Structures are given as C-alpha cells and as structure tokens.
Amino acid sequence: MTSPDRPALLLVEDDPVLGPLIAELLEPDYRVRLAATGQDGLHLGLTEPWDVLVIDRGLPVMDGIAVITALRSKGIATPILILTALGDPDEKVRGLDAGANDYVTKPFDAGELAARLRALTRSYSRPAGHVSIGDWELDPASRSVRSMYGAVVSLTAKEAELLAALAADPLRVFTRDELLARLFDPTDQPGVIDTYVHHLRRKIARTVIRTVHGVGYQIGEAND
C-alpha cells in the first residue's frame, strides 16, 4: 500500500525495459517520475523539487556524468544515486567526483537499491523544526540559516522570530501591525519591522522577504 507523502524520486534511465521496471519497483515507497533522456532528466532536475535522483551512467548524447555535473553547477543539492554498468573503480570515482552521493552497479539487487535510497533520503532529510526558504534552511532553535553550500548566517533572536513567523505561512502577506503585535513590544513603532527586514536582507539575500506594497511583507526565496 502506498503513502500519499512518499518522497519524490526522479529516475533518469533510457532502457525501455529496465526504466519502467525500476519505476514499478520503487513506486510503493516513492513518487517516481521517469525521464528517458539526459536532457529531459536535466530539465526536470532543474525545474521541479525532488527528494532523491537516480541517474543512469550510460545515457546517450548527454550521459549521466554530464547530467550530474550540470545539476551541481546550478546549485542542485538533492542526493543523487548513479546507476552504472561499469564496474571499473575509476568510473565509480568519476561519478562520485561529478557530484553523485552513491552508486549501484548493474545488474543490481533490488533490496540493495532500496536500502541505499533509504539511507540517502534519511541522511538528507530536513531536521525537525527546520524551515526551507529557497536554497536556505532556517533553524529557529539555533537562530541561524544555512545555505545548501554550507554557509551559516547567525541571526539575532528578533531576526529569527520574524523570519520564522513569515516562513510559517508562506502564502500570507503580513501587515506591519500584525508582525508588531505578534513579535515586538507594544511601545515599539511599526518602523521597527522595516529595520529588521533590512537587516535580514543584508545578512541573507534581498529576496528573502518580499515587500507587498500597500500591505506588508511576505516570505520570499533566499536564493541570491
């Protein structure tokens, strides 16, 4: 029986028999999307969110190494498992150096593939309490945000509270009065919100908070 909140998995495999077979094998535990070419896999990898990618090494025209290299060059940090028919250790090293996190050699055991994918999705799952903001993760407990590249930005208590309040309801536009009543002292003026928004934009990115003119503020995409 499948679960509606299964992790999203992109499978890039050109073999017309093996691709659907792997997809069927993984469907009970993942929401699988199959791409039959490297170009399609790259497009989907760049334009849609995934929890894990499985990429065949020997794709025609644009091979698996090229796809992985292109994804990593664009800042995609999603864990990648590469499937390869090449048992040469040097080929495995090439895949890992290109940005793959793990590999499985064909022909593979279905149980091993499933176990390796479980390990990857566990290792890269978001810690409890963390909030995703574009390419950043907010940790309210430690009052910090971390980029996918490992950079960490420390926040003051009020900066972290303001960012967490906006990120908790990303579709909502908050007025200054709402944020003031929720987070600040009654004696503070609404302009204090503008000051903290300015500080957060300087520390993280201009796009971390959107200004909705005439209304207030909304969480943005901190990926600058």
Protein backbone atom coordinates (compact mmCIF):
# COMPACT_ATOMS: atom_id res chain seq x y z
CA MET A 1 0.00 0.00 0.00
CA THR A 2 1.44 3.39 -0.97
CA SER A 3 1.54 6.55 1.13
CA PRO A 4 0.49 9.97 -0.24
CA ASP A 5 3.51 11.64 1.36
CA ARG A 6 6.09 9.40 -0.32
CA PRO A 7 9.38 11.11 -1.24
CA ALA A 8 9.60 12.38 -4.82
CA LEU A 9 12.14 10.45 -6.92
CA LEU A 10 13.38 11.33 -10.41
CA LEU A 11 14.64 8.30 -12.36
CA VAL A 12 16.71 9.00 -15.48
CA GLU A 13 17.04 5.73 -17.40
CA ASP A 14 16.93 5.26 -21.17
CA ASP A 15 16.45 1.48 -21.25
CA PRO A 16 12.80 0.98 -22.36
CA VAL A 17 12.51 -2.22 -20.34
CA LEU A 18 14.67 -1.51 -17.28
CA GLY A 19 13.37 2.04 -16.72
CA PRO A 20 9.69 1.12 -16.20
CA LEU A 21 10.78 -1.95 -14.22
CA ILE A 22 12.80 0.14 -11.76
CA ALA A 23 9.97 2.68 -11.55
CA GLU A 24 7.49 -0.08 -10.71
CA LEU A 25 9.89 -1.49 -8.13
CA LEU A 26 10.23 1.86 -6.36
CA GLU A 27 6.62 3.07 -6.64
CA PRO A 28 5.43 1.60 -3.32
CA ASP A 29 7.88 3.84 -1.45
CA TYR A 30 8.40 6.82 -3.80
CA ARG A 31 6.50 9.07 -6.20
CA VAL A 32 8.54 8.18 -9.27
CA ARG A 33 8.90 10.26 -12.44
CA LEU A 34 10.76 8.53 -15.28
CA ALA A 35 12.85 10.50 -17.78
CA ALA A 36 14.22 8.59 -20.78
CA THR A 37 16.96 11.03 -21.84
CA GLY A 38 19.67 13.02 -20.12
CA GLN A 39 18.23 16.25 -21.50
CA ASP A 40 14.78 15.52 -20.05
CA GLY A 41 16.32 14.46 -16.76
CA LEU A 42 18.33 17.67 -16.52
CA HIS A 43 15.26 19.79 -17.29
CA LEU A 44 13.15 18.06 -14.65
CA GLY A 45 16.00 18.12 -12.14
CA LEU A 46 16.33 21.88 -12.54
CA THR A 47 12.66 22.83 -12.64
CA GLU A 48 10.92 20.56 -10.13
CA PRO A 49 11.61 19.66 -6.47
CA TRP A 50 12.90 16.14 -5.73
CA ASP A 51 13.91 14.25 -2.62
CA VAL A 52 16.33 11.95 -4.46
CA LEU A 53 17.58 11.37 -8.02
CA VAL A 54 18.56 8.06 -9.64
CA ILE A 55 20.58 8.61 -12.82
CA ASP A 56 21.90 6.03 -15.27
CA ARG A 57 25.59 6.46 -16.12
CA GLY A 58 25.34 5.34 -19.75
CA LEU A 59 22.74 7.69 -21.20
CA PRO A 60 23.14 8.55 -24.91
CA VAL A 61 24.01 12.07 -26.14
CA MET A 62 24.12 13.56 -22.63
CA ASP A 63 25.44 10.89 -20.29
CA GLY A 64 24.82 10.59 -16.57
CA ILE A 65 28.09 12.30 -15.60
CA ALA A 66 27.18 15.33 -17.71
CA VAL A 67 23.69 15.49 -16.18
CA ILE A 68 25.06 15.32 -12.63
CA THR A 69 27.76 17.90 -13.35
CA ALA A 70 25.17 20.29 -14.83
CA LEU A 71 22.81 19.85 -11.87
CA ARG A 72 25.53 20.51 -9.32
CA SER A 73 26.80 23.53 -11.26
CA LYS A 74 23.32 25.03 -10.95
CA GLY A 75 23.32 24.55 -7.18
CA ILE A 76 21.04 21.49 -7.03
CA ALA A 77 21.99 19.74 -3.77
CA THR A 78 19.45 16.88 -3.94
CA PRO A 79 21.09 13.50 -3.18
CA ILE A 80 21.95 11.51 -6.32
CA LEU A 81 22.47 7.79 -6.77
CA ILE A 82 24.11 6.81 -10.05
CA LEU A 83 23.39 3.50 -11.77
CA THR A 84 26.32 2.15 -13.75
CA ALA A 85 27.07 -0.94 -15.78
CA LEU A 86 30.76 -0.06 -15.48
CA GLY A 87 32.38 -1.90 -12.60
CA ASP A 88 35.75 -0.17 -13.03
CA PRO A 89 36.60 1.66 -9.78
CA ASP A 90 37.84 4.64 -11.81
CA GLU A 91 34.38 5.02 -13.36
CA LYS A 92 32.77 4.95 -9.93
CA VAL A 93 35.22 7.60 -8.76
CA ARG A 94 34.29 9.75 -11.77
CA GLY A 95 30.64 9.57 -10.79
CA LEU A 96 31.32 10.49 -7.19
CA ASP A 97 33.66 13.31 -8.19
CA ALA A 98 30.98 14.69 -10.51
CA GLY A 99 28.65 15.04 -7.53
CA ALA A 100 26.89 11.70 -7.06
CA ASN A 101 26.40 10.67 -3.44
CA ASP A 102 26.30 6.91 -4.05
CA TYR A 103 26.28 4.35 -6.84
CA VAL A 104 24.89 0.91 -7.61
CA THR A 105 26.40 -1.36 -10.25
CA LYS A 106 24.17 -3.15 -12.77
CA PRO A 107 22.88 -5.78 -12.51
CA PHE A 108 21.80 -4.78 -9.03
CA ASP A 109 19.88 -6.37 -6.20
CA ALA A 110 16.51 -4.70 -5.64
CA GLY A 111 16.92 -4.86 -1.88
CA GLU A 112 20.30 -3.15 -2.00
CA LEU A 113 18.98 -0.36 -4.24
CA ALA A 114 16.05 0.23 -1.89
CA ALA A 115 18.35 0.25 1.17
CA ARG A 116 20.79 2.73 -0.40
CA LEU A 117 17.93 5.06 -1.33
CA ARG A 118 16.55 4.88 2.20
CA ALA A 119 19.97 5.77 3.56
CA LEU A 120 20.28 8.73 1.19
CA THR A 121 16.84 10.15 1.97
CA ARG A 122 17.44 9.72 5.72
CA SER A 123 20.81 11.47 5.55
CA TYR A 124 19.43 14.43 3.62
CA SER A 125 16.07 14.83 5.35
CA ARG A 126 15.38 18.18 6.96
CA PRO A 127 15.89 18.17 10.74
CA ALA A 128 12.77 18.63 12.84
CA GLY A 129 11.85 22.26 13.27
CA HIS A 130 13.87 23.47 10.28
CA VAL A 131 12.11 25.61 7.69
CA SER A 132 13.01 25.77 3.99
CA ILE A 133 13.38 29.25 2.49
CA GLY A 134 14.54 28.94 -1.12
CA ASP A 135 18.02 27.42 -1.03
CA TRP A 136 18.36 28.06 2.72
CA GLU A 137 17.29 26.24 5.88
CA LEU A 138 16.18 28.23 8.91
CA ASP A 139 16.87 26.67 12.30
CA PRO A 140 14.84 28.74 14.79
CA ALA A 141 16.36 26.91 17.78
CA SER A 142 19.94 27.95 16.96
CA ARG A 143 18.84 31.27 15.40
CA SER A 144 20.71 30.59 12.17
CA VAL A 145 20.18 29.93 8.48
CA ARG A 146 22.31 27.54 6.46
CA SER A 147 22.73 27.53 2.69
CA MET A 148 22.91 24.38 0.57
CA TYR A 149 26.62 25.12 0.19
CA GLY A 150 27.20 25.01 3.94
CA ALA A 151 27.39 28.75 4.69
CA VAL A 152 25.84 29.64 8.05
CA VAL A 153 24.42 33.06 8.95
CA SER A 154 23.73 33.83 12.60
CA LEU A 155 20.64 35.83 13.49
CA THR A 156 19.53 37.81 16.48
CA ALA A 157 16.57 36.49 18.44
CA LYS A 158 14.16 39.00 16.87
CA GLU A 159 15.51 38.40 13.34
CA ALA A 160 14.98 34.65 13.76
CA GLU A 161 11.47 35.17 15.18
CA LEU A 162 10.48 37.47 12.33
CA LEU A 163 11.82 35.13 9.66
CA ALA A 164 10.17 32.10 11.29
CA ALA A 165 6.81 33.90 11.54
CA LEU A 166 6.85 34.80 7.84
CA ALA A 167 8.10 31.35 6.74
CA ALA A 168 5.46 29.52 8.79
CA ASP A 169 2.73 30.84 6.47
CA PRO A 170 4.48 31.46 3.13
CA LEU A 171 1.34 32.35 1.16
CA ARG A 172 0.25 35.02 3.60
CA VAL A 173 1.13 38.71 3.44
CA PHE A 174 1.60 40.09 6.96
CA THR A 175 0.91 43.73 7.78
CA ARG A 176 3.40 45.63 9.90
CA ASP A 177 0.79 45.92 12.66
CA GLU A 178 0.29 42.13 12.72
CA LEU A 179 4.01 41.48 12.98
CA LEU A 180 4.42 44.20 15.58
CA ALA A 181 1.66 42.77 17.78
CA ARG A 182 2.99 39.23 17.45
CA LEU A 183 6.71 39.78 17.92
CA PHE A 184 7.51 43.15 19.45
CA ASP A 185 6.84 45.30 22.46
CA PRO A 186 3.62 47.36 22.36
CA THR A 187 5.68 50.51 22.77
CA ASP A 188 7.62 49.85 19.53
CA GLN A 189 6.68 51.64 16.33
CA PRO A 190 5.77 49.83 13.04
CA GLY A 191 9.02 51.13 11.54
CA VAL A 192 10.94 48.60 13.65
CA ILE A 193 9.65 45.91 11.27
CA ASP A 194 11.25 47.69 8.31
CA THR A 195 14.53 47.86 10.21
CA TYR A 196 14.62 44.13 10.88
CA VAL A 197 13.60 43.31 7.31
CA HIS A 198 16.52 45.46 6.13
CA HIS A 199 18.92 43.60 8.44
CA LEU A 200 17.72 40.18 7.23
CA ARG A 201 18.06 41.15 3.58
CA ARG A 202 21.61 42.36 4.17
CA LYS A 203 22.57 39.18 6.05
CA ILE A 204 20.93 36.61 3.74
CA ALA A 205 19.63 37.94 0.42
CA ARG A 206 17.49 40.76 -0.91
CA THR A 207 14.83 38.24 -1.92
CA VAL A 208 14.45 36.55 1.47
CA ILE A 209 11.48 38.82 2.26
CA ARG A 210 9.14 40.33 -0.33
CA THR A 211 7.60 43.76 0.07
CA VAL A 212 3.94 43.78 -0.98
CA HIS A 213 3.38 47.48 -1.48
CA GLY A 214 0.47 48.92 0.42
CA VAL A 215 0.05 45.75 2.50
CA GLY A 216 3.19 44.48 4.21
CA TYR A 217 5.69 41.63 3.97
CA GLN A 218 5.77 38.03 2.77
CA ILE A 219 8.47 35.37 2.84
CA GLY A 220 10.45 35.20 -0.41
CA GLU A 221 13.07 32.93 -1.96
CA ALA A 222 16.51 33.42 -0.39
CA ASN A 223 18.45 32.06 -3.35
CA ASP A 224 20.50 35.07 -4.47
